[in-house]
Amino acid sequence: YKFEGKVKHVYGKLYERNPKNRALAIAYHGTKCKICGFNFEEVYGTRGRGYIEIHHINPLSTIREETKINPSTDLIPVCANCHRIIHRKKENILSIDEMKELVCKKESK
């Protein structure tokens, strides 16, 4: 067995997100994953109602400065699994089309 839970202090950048953009993206797109179709409410009932992660199509880390975001074109709802795979490799963040292609390949097997 190994120890976990040691406190480490870190220094880094955090890109601020506007919760209004998140709410507008959900109002526009809904809460169903646009990649695989997962719906948290259908699976988890009331506990999952209204839950979805919101992905920036152009990652904030690549924008380099504060910029206006259009929730209908710059943000997309994705489930937690799809979101983690999109961002799994920092040097190779997948596009929405690349991610859809991965999911489609899986489904066709």
Protein backbone atom coordinates (compact mmCIF):
# COMPACT_ATOMS: atom_id res chain seq x y z
CA TYR A 1 0.00 0.00 0.00
CA LYS A 2 1.12 3.55 -0.73
CA PHE A 3 0.28 6.83 0.98
CA GLU A 4 -1.95 9.49 -0.64
CA GLY A 5 -3.36 12.82 0.43
CA LYS A 6 -0.18 14.77 1.15
CA VAL A 7 -0.79 18.49 0.68
CA LYS A 8 1.23 20.08 -2.13
CA HIS A 9 1.18 23.76 -2.95
CA VAL A 10 1.25 24.55 -6.66
CA TYR A 11 1.60 27.65 -8.77
CA GLY A 12 0.05 27.91 -12.21
CA LYS A 13 -2.44 29.56 -14.52
CA LEU A 14 -6.19 29.23 -14.29
CA TYR A 15 -8.36 30.39 -17.16
CA GLU A 16 -11.49 32.07 -15.86
CA ARG A 17 -14.84 30.84 -17.16
CA ASN A 18 -18.01 32.89 -17.14
CA PRO A 19 -20.94 30.90 -15.67
CA LYS A 20 -23.36 32.93 -17.82
CA ASN A 21 -21.74 31.50 -20.96
CA ARG A 22 -22.20 27.99 -19.55
CA ALA A 23 -25.89 28.66 -18.84
CA LEU A 24 -26.42 30.14 -22.31
CA ALA A 25 -24.69 27.15 -23.95
CA ILE A 26 -26.97 24.74 -22.08
CA ALA A 27 -30.04 26.82 -22.97
CA TYR A 28 -29.01 26.70 -26.64
CA HIS A 29 -27.61 23.14 -26.96
CA GLY A 30 -29.31 21.25 -24.12
CA THR A 31 -27.70 18.77 -21.75
CA LYS A 32 -27.15 15.80 -24.06
CA CYS A 33 -23.55 15.02 -25.07
CA LYS A 34 -23.07 16.22 -28.65
CA ILE A 35 -20.52 13.47 -29.26
CA CYS A 36 -21.95 10.23 -27.88
CA GLY A 37 -25.51 11.24 -26.95
CA PHE A 38 -25.17 10.48 -23.22
CA ASN A 39 -27.82 12.16 -21.07
CA PHE A 40 -27.14 12.28 -17.31
CA GLU A 41 -30.82 12.61 -16.38
CA GLU A 42 -31.81 9.54 -18.40
CA VAL A 43 -29.21 7.45 -16.57
CA TYR A 44 -29.16 9.03 -13.09
CA GLY A 45 -32.65 10.48 -12.79
CA THR A 46 -33.16 13.71 -10.88
CA ARG A 47 -29.56 13.65 -9.60
CA GLY A 48 -28.35 13.99 -13.21
CA ARG A 49 -30.93 16.59 -14.28
CA GLY A 50 -29.30 19.64 -15.85
CA TYR A 51 -25.77 18.27 -15.57
CA ILE A 52 -23.33 18.31 -18.48
CA GLU A 53 -19.79 19.53 -19.00
CA ILE A 54 -19.22 22.42 -21.39
CA HIS A 55 -16.25 22.21 -23.74
CA HIS A 56 -14.59 25.20 -25.40
CA ILE A 57 -14.18 24.25 -29.06
CA ASN A 58 -11.06 26.42 -29.11
CA PRO A 59 -9.36 25.70 -25.76
CA LEU A 60 -8.90 28.82 -23.63
CA SER A 61 -5.23 27.94 -23.21
CA THR A 62 -4.73 28.49 -26.96
CA ILE A 63 -6.49 31.86 -27.11
CA ARG A 64 -3.77 33.66 -25.09
CA GLU A 65 -5.97 36.59 -23.99
CA GLU A 66 -9.42 37.32 -22.67
CA THR A 67 -11.94 37.10 -25.50
CA LYS A 68 -15.68 37.14 -26.09
CA ILE A 69 -17.24 33.71 -26.31
CA ASN A 70 -20.36 32.91 -28.33
CA PRO A 71 -22.09 30.11 -26.37
CA SER A 72 -23.90 28.78 -29.45
CA THR A 73 -20.78 28.43 -31.63
CA ASP A 74 -17.78 28.36 -29.26
CA LEU A 75 -19.11 26.01 -26.57
CA ILE A 76 -20.50 22.49 -26.81
CA PRO A 77 -22.00 20.14 -24.21
CA VAL A 78 -20.08 16.90 -23.74
CA CYS A 79 -20.24 14.13 -21.15
CA ALA A 80 -17.39 13.73 -18.68
CA ASN A 81 -15.95 10.70 -20.50
CA CYS A 82 -15.82 12.40 -23.89
CA HIS A 83 -14.40 15.56 -22.30
CA ARG A 84 -11.55 13.66 -20.61
CA ILE A 85 -10.62 11.87 -23.83
CA ILE A 86 -10.66 15.14 -25.80
CA HIS A 87 -8.16 16.64 -23.33
CA ARG A 88 -6.25 13.48 -22.44
CA LYS A 89 -3.08 14.55 -24.27
CA LYS A 90 -2.24 18.23 -23.80
CA GLU A 91 -0.11 18.22 -26.95
CA ASN A 92 -2.94 16.67 -28.99
CA ILE A 93 -6.36 17.98 -27.95
CA LEU A 94 -8.94 16.30 -30.18
CA SER A 95 -11.41 18.27 -32.27
CA ILE A 96 -15.10 17.49 -32.01
CA ASP A 97 -14.96 15.75 -35.41
CA GLU A 98 -11.96 13.63 -34.36
CA MET A 99 -13.77 12.62 -31.16
CA LYS A 100 -16.96 11.76 -33.06
CA GLU A 101 -14.88 9.61 -35.40
CA LEU A 102 -13.46 7.67 -32.43
CA VAL A 103 -16.95 7.07 -31.05
CA CYS A 104 -18.31 6.04 -34.47
CA LYS A 105 -15.45 3.53 -34.95
CA LYS A 106 -16.28 2.00 -31.56
CA GLU A 107 -19.98 1.73 -32.40
CA SER A 108 -19.37 0.10 -35.79
CA LYS A 109 -17.43 -2.83 -34.27
